[in-house]
């Protein structure tokens, strides 16, 4: 559906060339927008501004990932220990696992719009705007570095079906990974041991 609420068609001449949008905003932005904008079986009212907004979201994720990767320089699997965590570490790990549970439930039901909304809120509000800011004061501890690595890995794996290219790029830069490609790595699973209700 176009902005005038008409179905896109050749005869109306109101179609949009996806290649033009990919050139401007990238394939991942268009894919995320198309897969998470409306509920299953419903028409999409196409909005170029929302594709641009998705591009901003990807940019936010990319900048957050660069910060995490900078803090993880020289960090390897022998350093990784989710121990001696502070309250902000426990809070974000709890939020991550709640997000994994909700996203998995939505994906199982093919409710991609719900999965996209849950991921957007967790990544933008909880991870980027809150935890990354808090971690700037504690990011030299092994517990916080391990938390940053855990949360970023979980985020890009959940986002991968919607944003395959940028998530693969970030995954390949991670200091700790369990596969040569994100496509064959294991999907995040809810871990009750990393839920700290009191700290939250």
N, C-alpha and C. Protein backbone atom coordinates (compact mmCIF):
# COMPACT_ATOMS: atom_id res chain seq x y z
N UNK A 1 0.86 -1.18 0.00
CA UNK A 1 0.00 0.00 0.00
C UNK A 1 0.90 1.23 0.00
N UNK A 2 0.58 2.21 -0.88
CA UNK A 2 1.41 3.41 -0.89
C UNK A 2 0.90 4.42 0.15
N UNK A 3 1.51 5.61 0.17
CA UNK A 3 1.15 6.59 1.19
C UNK A 3 -0.25 7.17 0.98
N UNK A 4 -0.82 6.98 -0.22
CA UNK A 4 -2.19 7.42 -0.48
C UNK A 4 -3.19 6.27 -0.29
N UNK A 5 -2.74 5.21 0.37
CA UNK A 5 -3.57 4.03 0.68
C UNK A 5 -4.04 3.30 -0.57
N UNK A 6 -3.21 3.29 -1.62
CA UNK A 6 -3.52 2.54 -2.84
C UNK A 6 -2.57 1.36 -2.93
N UNK A 7 -3.06 0.25 -3.46
CA UNK A 7 -2.18 -0.90 -3.67
C UNK A 7 -1.17 -0.57 -4.75
N UNK A 8 0.08 -0.95 -4.52
CA UNK A 8 1.11 -0.67 -5.52
C UNK A 8 0.90 -1.56 -6.74
N UNK A 9 0.99 -0.94 -7.91
CA UNK A 9 0.83 -1.72 -9.13
C UNK A 9 1.51 -0.99 -10.29
N UNK A 10 1.82 -1.75 -11.33
CA UNK A 10 2.44 -1.16 -12.53
C UNK A 10 1.49 -0.18 -13.20
N UNK A 11 0.21 -0.55 -13.28
CA UNK A 11 -0.75 0.30 -13.99
C UNK A 11 -0.95 1.65 -13.29
N UNK A 12 -0.88 1.66 -11.97
CA UNK A 12 -1.00 2.93 -11.24
C UNK A 12 0.31 3.71 -11.23
N UNK A 13 1.39 3.00 -11.54
CA UNK A 13 2.70 3.65 -11.57
C UNK A 13 3.17 4.12 -10.19
N UNK A 14 2.69 3.45 -9.14
CA UNK A 14 3.05 3.87 -7.79
C UNK A 14 3.96 2.87 -7.07
N UNK A 15 4.61 2.02 -7.86
CA UNK A 15 5.53 1.05 -7.27
C UNK A 15 6.83 1.71 -6.83
N UNK A 16 7.55 1.04 -5.95
CA UNK A 16 8.84 1.54 -5.47
C UNK A 16 9.90 0.50 -5.81
N UNK A 17 10.97 0.94 -6.43
CA UNK A 17 12.05 0.03 -6.80
C UNK A 17 12.88 -0.29 -5.56
N UNK A 18 12.86 -1.54 -5.10
CA UNK A 18 13.62 -1.89 -3.89
C UNK A 18 15.12 -1.63 -4.03
N UNK A 19 15.64 -1.71 -5.26
CA UNK A 19 17.07 -1.49 -5.47
C UNK A 19 17.47 -0.05 -5.14
N UNK A 20 16.55 0.89 -5.39
CA UNK A 20 16.83 2.29 -5.04
C UNK A 20 16.92 2.46 -3.53
N UNK A 21 16.01 1.78 -2.82
CA UNK A 21 16.03 1.86 -1.35
C UNK A 21 17.27 1.17 -0.78
N UNK A 22 17.66 0.05 -1.39
CA UNK A 22 18.86 -0.66 -0.93
C UNK A 22 20.10 0.20 -1.15
N UNK A 23 20.14 0.89 -2.29
CA UNK A 23 21.28 1.79 -2.55
C UNK A 23 21.37 2.89 -1.50
N UNK A 24 20.21 3.37 -1.04
CA UNK A 24 20.22 4.50 -0.11
C UNK A 24 20.36 4.06 1.35
N UNK A 25 19.66 2.98 1.73
CA UNK A 25 19.61 2.61 3.15
C UNK A 25 20.23 1.25 3.48
N UNK A 26 20.53 0.46 2.45
CA UNK A 26 21.10 -0.86 2.69
C UNK A 26 20.04 -1.95 2.70
N UNK A 27 20.46 -3.15 2.40
CA UNK A 27 19.56 -4.30 2.32
C UNK A 27 18.96 -4.65 3.68
N UNK A 28 19.77 -4.56 4.74
CA UNK A 28 19.29 -4.94 6.08
C UNK A 28 18.17 -4.02 6.57
N UNK A 29 18.30 -2.73 6.28
CA UNK A 29 17.26 -1.78 6.72
C UNK A 29 15.93 -2.10 6.05
N UNK A 30 15.97 -2.37 4.75
CA UNK A 30 14.74 -2.69 4.02
C UNK A 30 14.16 -4.02 4.49
N UNK A 31 15.01 -5.02 4.68
CA UNK A 31 14.54 -6.34 5.11
C UNK A 31 13.89 -6.26 6.50
N UNK A 32 14.55 -5.57 7.44
CA UNK A 32 14.00 -5.44 8.80
C UNK A 32 12.65 -4.72 8.75
N UNK A 33 12.58 -3.64 7.96
CA UNK A 33 11.33 -2.88 7.85
C UNK A 33 10.20 -3.75 7.31
N UNK A 34 10.47 -4.47 6.22
CA UNK A 34 9.43 -5.27 5.57
C UNK A 34 8.97 -6.44 6.43
N UNK A 35 9.90 -7.02 7.21
CA UNK A 35 9.53 -8.22 7.99
C UNK A 35 8.92 -7.90 9.34
N UNK A 36 9.13 -6.69 9.86
CA UNK A 36 8.67 -6.42 11.22
C UNK A 36 7.62 -5.29 11.31
N UNK A 37 7.19 -4.76 10.16
CA UNK A 37 6.30 -3.60 10.20
C UNK A 37 4.84 -3.95 10.48
N UNK A 38 4.36 -5.06 9.99
CA UNK A 38 2.94 -5.37 10.21
C UNK A 38 2.75 -6.82 10.62
N UNK A 39 1.58 -7.10 11.15
CA UNK A 39 1.24 -8.46 11.57
C UNK A 39 1.07 -9.35 10.35
N UNK A 40 1.22 -10.66 10.58
CA UNK A 40 1.14 -11.63 9.49
C UNK A 40 -0.20 -11.53 8.76
N UNK A 41 -0.13 -11.50 7.43
CA UNK A 41 -1.35 -11.47 6.62
C UNK A 41 -1.92 -10.09 6.37
N UNK A 42 -1.31 -9.07 6.95
CA UNK A 42 -1.82 -7.71 6.77
C UNK A 42 -0.99 -6.95 5.75
N UNK A 43 -1.61 -5.98 5.08
CA UNK A 43 -0.89 -5.13 4.12
C UNK A 43 0.01 -4.15 4.88
N UNK A 44 1.07 -3.73 4.22
CA UNK A 44 1.97 -2.72 4.78
C UNK A 44 1.70 -1.39 4.09
N UNK A 45 1.52 -0.34 4.88
CA UNK A 45 1.46 1.01 4.31
C UNK A 45 2.91 1.47 4.21
N UNK A 46 3.45 1.46 3.01
CA UNK A 46 4.88 1.72 2.84
C UNK A 46 5.22 3.16 3.22
N UNK A 47 6.30 3.28 4.00
CA UNK A 47 6.73 4.59 4.48
C UNK A 47 8.25 4.67 4.42
N UNK A 48 8.77 5.47 3.50
CA UNK A 48 10.22 5.60 3.33
C UNK A 48 10.89 6.13 4.59
N UNK A 49 10.17 7.00 5.33
CA UNK A 49 10.74 7.54 6.58
C UNK A 49 11.03 6.44 7.59
N UNK A 50 10.20 5.40 7.58
CA UNK A 50 10.41 4.30 8.51
C UNK A 50 11.60 3.43 8.10
N UNK A 51 11.87 3.36 6.81
CA UNK A 51 13.08 2.66 6.35
C UNK A 51 14.30 3.45 6.82
N UNK A 52 14.22 4.78 6.72
CA UNK A 52 15.31 5.65 7.19
C UNK A 52 15.50 5.49 8.69
N UNK A 53 14.39 5.34 9.42
CA UNK A 53 14.44 5.14 10.88
C UNK A 53 15.13 3.82 11.21
N UNK A 54 14.86 2.79 10.41
CA UNK A 54 15.52 1.50 10.61
C UNK A 54 17.01 1.62 10.36
N UNK A 55 17.39 2.40 9.35
CA UNK A 55 18.81 2.63 9.08
C UNK A 55 19.48 3.28 10.30
N UNK A 56 18.77 4.22 10.95
CA UNK A 56 19.29 4.85 12.17
C UNK A 56 19.47 3.82 13.30
N UNK A 57 18.53 2.88 13.38
CA UNK A 57 18.60 1.82 14.38
C UNK A 57 19.84 0.95 14.14
N UNK A 58 20.08 0.60 12.88
CA UNK A 58 21.26 -0.20 12.54
C UNK A 58 22.54 0.56 12.89
N UNK A 59 22.53 1.85 12.62
CA UNK A 59 23.68 2.70 12.93
C UNK A 59 23.94 2.74 14.43
N UNK A 60 22.86 2.80 15.22
CA UNK A 60 22.96 2.80 16.69
C UNK A 60 23.59 1.48 17.15
N UNK A 61 23.12 0.37 16.59
CA UNK A 61 23.67 -0.94 16.93
C UNK A 61 25.14 -1.03 16.55
N UNK A 62 25.49 -0.52 15.37
CA UNK A 62 26.87 -0.57 14.89
C UNK A 62 27.80 0.22 15.84
N UNK A 63 27.37 1.41 16.25
CA UNK A 63 28.18 2.23 17.15
C UNK A 63 28.33 1.57 18.53
N UNK A 64 27.24 0.96 19.02
CA UNK A 64 27.29 0.25 20.30
C UNK A 64 28.26 -0.93 20.20
N UNK A 65 28.21 -1.63 19.07
CA UNK A 65 29.10 -2.78 18.86
C UNK A 65 30.55 -2.35 18.81
N UNK A 66 30.83 -1.22 18.18
CA UNK A 66 32.20 -0.70 18.13
C UNK A 66 32.71 -0.39 19.53
N UNK A 67 31.85 0.17 20.38
CA UNK A 67 32.23 0.45 21.77
C UNK A 67 32.56 -0.85 22.50
N UNK A 68 31.68 -1.85 22.36
CA UNK A 68 31.89 -3.14 23.04
C UNK A 68 33.19 -3.78 22.55
N UNK A 69 33.40 -3.80 21.24
CA UNK A 69 34.60 -4.43 20.68
C UNK A 69 35.87 -3.70 21.12
N UNK A 70 35.79 -2.40 21.29
CA UNK A 70 36.93 -1.63 21.78
C UNK A 70 37.25 -2.05 23.22
N UNK A 71 36.20 -2.23 24.05
CA UNK A 71 36.40 -2.64 25.43
C UNK A 71 36.88 -4.09 25.55
N UNK A 72 36.64 -4.88 24.49
CA UNK A 72 37.03 -6.30 24.53
C UNK A 72 38.35 -6.58 23.82
N UNK A 73 39.11 -5.54 23.51
CA UNK A 73 40.41 -5.75 22.87
C UNK A 73 41.31 -6.58 23.80
N UNK A 74 41.90 -7.65 23.27
CA UNK A 74 42.76 -8.52 24.06
C UNK A 74 42.01 -9.51 24.92
N UNK A 75 40.67 -9.45 24.90
CA UNK A 75 39.81 -10.35 25.68
C UNK A 75 39.64 -11.66 24.91
N UNK A 76 39.76 -12.80 25.59
CA UNK A 76 39.57 -14.09 24.90
C UNK A 76 38.79 -15.06 25.78
N UNK A 77 38.58 -16.26 25.27
CA UNK A 77 37.73 -17.23 25.96
C UNK A 77 38.24 -17.60 27.34
N UNK A 78 39.56 -17.56 27.55
CA UNK A 78 40.10 -17.90 28.87
C UNK A 78 39.79 -16.80 29.90
N UNK A 79 39.51 -15.58 29.41
CA UNK A 79 39.16 -14.47 30.32
C UNK A 79 37.68 -14.48 30.68
N UNK A 80 36.87 -15.12 29.85
CA UNK A 80 35.42 -15.03 29.98
C UNK A 80 34.91 -15.70 31.25
N UNK A 81 34.34 -14.89 32.16
CA UNK A 81 33.75 -15.41 33.40
C UNK A 81 32.60 -14.51 33.81
N UNK A 82 31.41 -15.07 33.85
CA UNK A 82 30.26 -14.30 34.33
C UNK A 82 30.20 -14.43 35.85
N UNK A 83 31.21 -13.84 36.50
CA UNK A 83 31.33 -13.89 37.96
C UNK A 83 31.60 -12.47 38.47
N UNK A 84 31.38 -12.28 39.79
CA UNK A 84 31.60 -10.98 40.42
C UNK A 84 30.89 -9.87 39.64
N UNK A 85 29.65 -10.12 39.32
CA UNK A 85 28.87 -9.17 38.53
C UNK A 85 28.33 -8.05 39.42
N UNK A 86 28.31 -6.84 38.88
CA UNK A 86 27.68 -5.75 39.64
C UNK A 86 26.19 -5.71 39.31
N UNK A 87 25.45 -4.82 39.96
CA UNK A 87 24.00 -4.79 39.78
C UNK A 87 23.58 -4.47 38.34
N UNK A 88 24.34 -3.58 37.67
CA UNK A 88 23.97 -3.25 36.28
C UNK A 88 24.20 -4.44 35.35
N UNK A 89 25.27 -5.24 35.62
CA UNK A 89 25.51 -6.46 34.83
C UNK A 89 24.35 -7.44 35.01
N UNK A 90 23.96 -7.63 36.26
CA UNK A 90 22.86 -8.56 36.55
C UNK A 90 21.55 -8.08 35.93
N UNK A 91 21.36 -6.75 35.95
CA UNK A 91 20.14 -6.18 35.39
C UNK A 91 20.05 -6.46 33.89
N UNK A 92 21.13 -6.19 33.15
CA UNK A 92 21.07 -6.36 31.68
C UNK A 92 21.00 -7.84 31.31
N UNK A 93 21.64 -8.70 32.08
CA UNK A 93 21.56 -10.15 31.80
C UNK A 93 20.13 -10.65 32.02
N UNK A 94 19.47 -10.11 33.04
CA UNK A 94 18.06 -10.45 33.29
C UNK A 94 17.20 -9.98 32.12
N UNK A 95 17.42 -8.73 31.70
CA UNK A 95 16.66 -8.18 30.56
C UNK A 95 16.92 -8.98 29.29
N UNK A 96 18.17 -9.38 29.08
CA UNK A 96 18.52 -10.19 27.90
C UNK A 96 17.73 -11.49 27.89
N UNK A 97 17.71 -12.18 29.01
CA UNK A 97 17.03 -13.48 29.05
C UNK A 97 15.51 -13.34 28.95
N UNK A 98 14.97 -12.25 29.49
CA UNK A 98 13.54 -12.00 29.31
C UNK A 98 13.24 -11.75 27.82
N UNK A 99 14.17 -11.03 27.16
CA UNK A 99 14.01 -10.74 25.74
C UNK A 99 14.11 -12.02 24.91
N UNK A 100 15.08 -12.87 25.22
CA UNK A 100 15.23 -14.15 24.51
C UNK A 100 13.93 -14.96 24.60
N UNK A 101 13.37 -15.01 25.79
CA UNK A 101 12.13 -15.79 26.00
C UNK A 101 10.99 -15.22 25.15
N UNK A 102 10.81 -13.89 25.18
CA UNK A 102 9.72 -13.25 24.44
C UNK A 102 9.91 -13.35 22.93
N UNK A 103 11.14 -13.13 22.47
CA UNK A 103 11.42 -13.17 21.03
C UNK A 103 11.23 -14.59 20.50
N UNK A 104 11.72 -15.58 21.24
CA UNK A 104 11.58 -16.98 20.82
C UNK A 104 10.10 -17.35 20.69
N UNK A 105 9.30 -16.92 21.66
CA UNK A 105 7.86 -17.20 21.63
C UNK A 105 7.22 -16.55 20.40
N UNK A 106 7.58 -15.30 20.11
CA UNK A 106 7.03 -14.61 18.94
C UNK A 106 7.48 -15.25 17.63
N UNK A 107 8.76 -15.64 17.56
CA UNK A 107 9.28 -16.27 16.34
C UNK A 107 8.59 -17.61 16.08
N UNK A 108 8.35 -18.37 17.16
CA UNK A 108 7.68 -19.66 17.01
C UNK A 108 6.26 -19.51 16.45
N UNK A 109 5.66 -18.34 16.70
CA UNK A 109 4.30 -18.08 16.21
C UNK A 109 4.31 -17.29 14.90
N UNK A 110 5.50 -17.05 14.35
CA UNK A 110 5.66 -16.23 13.13
C UNK A 110 5.16 -14.80 13.32
N UNK A 111 5.21 -14.32 14.56
CA UNK A 111 4.81 -12.94 14.85
C UNK A 111 6.05 -12.06 14.79
N UNK A 112 6.53 -11.84 13.56
CA UNK A 112 7.80 -11.13 13.38
C UNK A 112 7.70 -9.66 13.79
N UNK A 113 6.50 -9.10 13.67
CA UNK A 113 6.33 -7.70 14.10
C UNK A 113 6.54 -7.56 15.60
N UNK A 114 6.04 -8.53 16.38
CA UNK A 114 6.23 -8.50 17.83
C UNK A 114 7.70 -8.73 18.19
N UNK A 115 8.33 -9.69 17.51
CA UNK A 115 9.75 -9.97 17.76
C UNK A 115 10.59 -8.73 17.47
N UNK A 116 10.28 -8.05 16.36
CA UNK A 116 11.02 -6.85 15.99
C UNK A 116 10.86 -5.74 17.01
N UNK A 117 9.63 -5.55 17.50
CA UNK A 117 9.36 -4.49 18.49
C UNK A 117 10.07 -4.77 19.81
N UNK A 118 10.07 -6.03 20.24
CA UNK A 118 10.74 -6.42 21.50
C UNK A 118 12.25 -6.19 21.38
N UNK A 119 12.82 -6.61 20.26
CA UNK A 119 14.26 -6.44 20.05
C UNK A 119 14.64 -4.96 19.98
N UNK A 120 13.85 -4.19 19.25
CA UNK A 120 14.12 -2.75 19.11
C UNK A 120 14.17 -2.08 20.48
N UNK A 121 13.18 -2.36 21.31
CA UNK A 121 13.10 -1.74 22.63
C UNK A 121 14.27 -2.16 23.50
N UNK A 122 14.60 -3.45 23.50
CA UNK A 122 15.70 -3.93 24.34
C UNK A 122 17.04 -3.34 23.88
N UNK A 123 17.27 -3.36 22.57
CA UNK A 123 18.56 -2.89 22.05
C UNK A 123 18.72 -1.38 22.23
N UNK A 124 17.71 -0.62 21.84
CA UNK A 124 17.83 0.84 21.87
C UNK A 124 17.79 1.37 23.32
N UNK A 125 16.74 0.95 24.06
CA UNK A 125 16.52 1.53 25.40
C UNK A 125 17.40 0.90 26.48
N UNK A 126 17.34 -0.42 26.59
CA UNK A 126 18.04 -1.08 27.70
C UNK A 126 19.55 -1.20 27.46
N UNK A 127 19.92 -1.69 26.28
CA UNK A 127 21.35 -1.95 26.03
C UNK A 127 22.11 -0.67 25.70
N UNK A 128 21.68 0.03 24.65
CA UNK A 128 22.44 1.21 24.18
C UNK A 128 22.33 2.40 25.12
N UNK A 129 21.09 2.79 25.45
CA UNK A 129 20.90 4.02 26.22
C UNK A 129 21.20 3.86 27.71
N UNK A 130 21.02 2.65 28.25
CA UNK A 130 21.23 2.50 29.70
C UNK A 130 22.50 1.71 30.03
N UNK A 131 22.55 0.44 29.61
CA UNK A 131 23.65 -0.40 30.08
C UNK A 131 25.01 0.06 29.56
N UNK A 132 25.11 0.44 28.30
CA UNK A 132 26.40 0.88 27.77
C UNK A 132 26.91 2.10 28.54
N UNK A 133 25.98 3.00 28.87
CA UNK A 133 26.38 4.18 29.65
C UNK A 133 26.86 3.76 31.04
N UNK A 134 26.15 2.83 31.68
CA UNK A 134 26.55 2.36 33.01
C UNK A 134 27.88 1.61 32.95
N UNK A 135 28.08 0.85 31.87
CA UNK A 135 29.29 0.02 31.78
C UNK A 135 30.55 0.84 31.58
N UNK A 136 30.41 2.09 31.19
CA UNK A 136 31.58 2.94 31.01
C UNK A 136 32.34 3.14 32.32
N UNK A 137 31.64 2.95 33.44
CA UNK A 137 32.27 3.12 34.74
C UNK A 137 32.83 1.81 35.29
N UNK A 138 32.45 0.67 34.69
CA UNK A 138 32.88 -0.62 35.23
C UNK A 138 33.45 -1.55 34.17
N UNK A 139 33.68 -1.04 32.96
CA UNK A 139 34.01 -1.92 31.83
C UNK A 139 35.41 -2.53 31.91
N UNK A 140 36.20 -2.17 32.94
CA UNK A 140 37.51 -2.79 33.08
C UNK A 140 37.44 -4.09 33.87
N UNK A 141 36.28 -4.42 34.44
CA UNK A 141 36.17 -5.65 35.22
C UNK A 141 35.86 -6.83 34.28
N UNK A 142 36.33 -8.00 34.66
CA UNK A 142 36.08 -9.21 33.87
C UNK A 142 34.58 -9.48 33.77
N UNK A 143 33.86 -9.27 34.89
CA UNK A 143 32.41 -9.51 34.90
C UNK A 143 31.67 -8.66 33.89
N UNK A 144 32.03 -7.38 33.81
CA UNK A 144 31.35 -6.47 32.87
C UNK A 144 31.75 -6.78 31.43
N UNK A 145 33.03 -7.07 31.20
CA UNK A 145 33.47 -7.42 29.84
C UNK A 145 32.76 -8.70 29.37
N UNK A 146 32.65 -9.67 30.25
CA UNK A 146 31.96 -10.92 29.90
C UNK A 146 30.49 -10.66 29.63
N UNK A 147 29.90 -9.74 30.40
CA UNK A 147 28.49 -9.38 30.20
C UNK A 147 28.30 -8.68 28.86
N UNK A 148 29.18 -7.72 28.56
CA UNK A 148 29.10 -7.01 27.27
C UNK A 148 29.17 -8.00 26.11
N UNK A 149 30.08 -8.96 26.21
CA UNK A 149 30.25 -9.97 25.16
C UNK A 149 29.00 -10.85 25.04
N UNK A 150 28.46 -11.28 26.18
CA UNK A 150 27.27 -12.15 26.20
C UNK A 150 26.07 -11.45 25.59
N UNK A 151 25.85 -10.20 26.00
CA UNK A 151 24.65 -9.48 25.55
C UNK A 151 24.75 -9.13 24.07
N UNK A 152 25.90 -8.63 23.63
CA UNK A 152 26.04 -8.29 22.21
C UNK A 152 25.89 -9.53 21.34
N UNK A 153 26.47 -10.64 21.76
CA UNK A 153 26.34 -11.89 21.00
C UNK A 153 24.87 -12.31 20.90
N UNK A 154 24.15 -12.24 22.01
CA UNK A 154 22.73 -12.60 22.02
C UNK A 154 21.91 -11.70 21.11
N UNK A 155 22.22 -10.41 21.15
CA UNK A 155 21.49 -9.44 20.32
C UNK A 155 21.66 -9.73 18.83
N UNK A 156 22.90 -9.88 18.39
CA UNK A 156 23.10 -10.05 16.94
C UNK A 156 22.59 -11.40 16.45
N UNK A 157 22.58 -12.41 17.32
CA UNK A 157 22.03 -13.70 16.90
C UNK A 157 20.51 -13.61 16.74
N UNK A 158 19.84 -12.89 17.66
CA UNK A 158 18.38 -12.75 17.53
C UNK A 158 18.01 -11.86 16.35
N UNK A 159 18.86 -10.89 16.05
CA UNK A 159 18.60 -9.98 14.93
C UNK A 159 18.93 -10.59 13.58
N UNK A 160 19.75 -11.62 13.57
CA UNK A 160 20.29 -12.15 12.31
C UNK A 160 19.22 -12.49 11.26
N UNK A 161 18.10 -13.12 11.63
CA UNK A 161 17.09 -13.42 10.60
C UNK A 161 16.55 -12.16 9.91
N UNK A 162 16.61 -11.03 10.59
CA UNK A 162 16.08 -9.78 10.04
C UNK A 162 17.18 -8.92 9.38
N UNK A 163 18.39 -9.02 9.90
CA UNK A 163 19.52 -8.22 9.41
C UNK A 163 20.73 -9.12 9.20
N UNK A 164 20.73 -9.93 8.16
CA UNK A 164 21.80 -10.93 8.01
C UNK A 164 23.20 -10.36 7.79
N UNK A 165 23.29 -9.24 7.09
CA UNK A 165 24.62 -8.77 6.69
C UNK A 165 25.37 -8.06 7.81
N UNK A 166 24.71 -7.10 8.45
CA UNK A 166 25.40 -6.35 9.51
C UNK A 166 25.69 -7.26 10.72
N UNK A 167 24.79 -8.19 11.01
CA UNK A 167 25.02 -9.07 12.16
C UNK A 167 26.17 -10.04 11.90
N UNK A 168 26.29 -10.51 10.67
CA UNK A 168 27.43 -11.38 10.32
C UNK A 168 28.74 -10.61 10.46
N UNK A 169 28.73 -9.35 10.01
CA UNK A 169 29.92 -8.50 10.08
C UNK A 169 30.37 -8.31 11.53
N UNK A 170 29.42 -8.03 12.41
CA UNK A 170 29.74 -7.84 13.83
C UNK A 170 30.20 -9.16 14.45
N UNK A 171 29.49 -10.24 14.12
CA UNK A 171 29.82 -11.55 14.69
C UNK A 171 31.27 -11.93 14.39
N UNK A 172 31.70 -11.70 13.17
CA UNK A 172 33.06 -12.08 12.78
C UNK A 172 34.13 -11.29 13.53
N UNK A 173 33.75 -10.13 14.09
CA UNK A 173 34.70 -9.32 14.86
C UNK A 173 34.72 -9.67 16.34
N UNK A 174 33.76 -10.49 16.80
CA UNK A 174 33.71 -10.84 18.22
C UNK A 174 34.94 -11.65 18.63
N UNK A 175 35.48 -11.40 19.84
CA UNK A 175 36.66 -12.16 20.27
C UNK A 175 36.33 -13.60 20.64
N UNK A 176 35.07 -13.86 20.99
CA UNK A 176 34.66 -15.22 21.37
C UNK A 176 33.43 -15.60 20.54
N UNK A 177 33.53 -16.69 19.80
CA UNK A 177 32.38 -17.18 19.03
C UNK A 177 32.45 -18.70 18.93
N UNK A 178 31.28 -19.32 18.74
CA UNK A 178 31.23 -20.79 18.74
C UNK A 178 31.07 -21.39 17.34
N UNK A 179 31.23 -20.56 16.30
CA UNK A 179 31.14 -21.05 14.92
C UNK A 179 31.83 -20.07 14.00
N UNK A 180 32.17 -20.53 12.81
CA UNK A 180 32.86 -19.66 11.84
C UNK A 180 31.93 -18.62 11.24
N UNK A 181 30.63 -18.84 11.32
CA UNK A 181 29.65 -17.89 10.77
C UNK A 181 28.45 -17.86 11.71
N UNK A 182 27.83 -16.70 11.80
CA UNK A 182 26.64 -16.58 12.65
C UNK A 182 25.51 -17.47 12.13
N UNK A 183 25.52 -17.76 10.83
CA UNK A 183 24.45 -18.57 10.23
C UNK A 183 24.41 -20.00 10.77
N UNK A 184 25.57 -20.49 11.22
CA UNK A 184 25.61 -21.87 11.73
C UNK A 184 25.87 -21.90 13.24
N UNK A 185 25.79 -20.73 13.87
CA UNK A 185 25.97 -20.70 15.33
C UNK A 185 24.63 -21.00 16.00
N UNK A 186 24.69 -21.35 17.28
CA UNK A 186 23.46 -21.71 18.00
C UNK A 186 22.64 -20.46 18.32
N UNK A 187 21.32 -20.60 18.26
CA UNK A 187 20.42 -19.49 18.59
C UNK A 187 20.38 -19.33 20.11
N UNK A 188 20.26 -18.09 20.62
CA UNK A 188 20.24 -17.89 22.08
C UNK A 188 19.10 -18.64 22.76
N UNK A 189 19.38 -19.16 23.94
CA UNK A 189 18.36 -19.86 24.72
C UNK A 189 18.22 -19.19 26.09
N UNK A 190 17.01 -19.19 26.59
CA UNK A 190 16.72 -18.62 27.91
C UNK A 190 17.51 -19.37 28.97
N UNK A 191 18.21 -18.63 29.83
CA UNK A 191 19.02 -19.22 30.90
C UNK A 191 18.56 -18.68 32.24
N UNK A 192 17.84 -19.50 32.98
CA UNK A 192 17.27 -19.07 34.26
C UNK A 192 18.35 -18.65 35.26
N UNK A 193 19.56 -19.23 35.12
CA UNK A 193 20.65 -18.91 36.05
C UNK A 193 21.13 -17.46 35.89
N UNK A 194 20.82 -16.87 34.75
CA UNK A 194 21.25 -15.49 34.51
C UNK A 194 20.09 -14.50 34.66
N UNK A 195 19.11 -14.89 35.46
CA UNK A 195 18.00 -14.01 35.79
C UNK A 195 18.12 -13.63 37.26
N UNK A 196 18.33 -12.34 37.50
CA UNK A 196 18.57 -11.85 38.87
C UNK A 196 17.45 -10.88 39.23
N UNK A 197 16.33 -11.46 39.68
CA UNK A 197 15.16 -10.62 39.93
C UNK A 197 15.40 -9.58 41.02
N UNK A 198 16.11 -9.94 42.07
CA UNK A 198 16.35 -9.00 43.17
C UNK A 198 17.16 -7.80 42.70
N UNK A 199 18.23 -8.06 41.97
CA UNK A 199 19.08 -6.98 41.47
C UNK A 199 18.31 -6.10 40.50
N UNK A 200 17.45 -6.72 39.70
CA UNK A 200 16.69 -5.94 38.73
C UNK A 200 15.77 -4.96 39.44
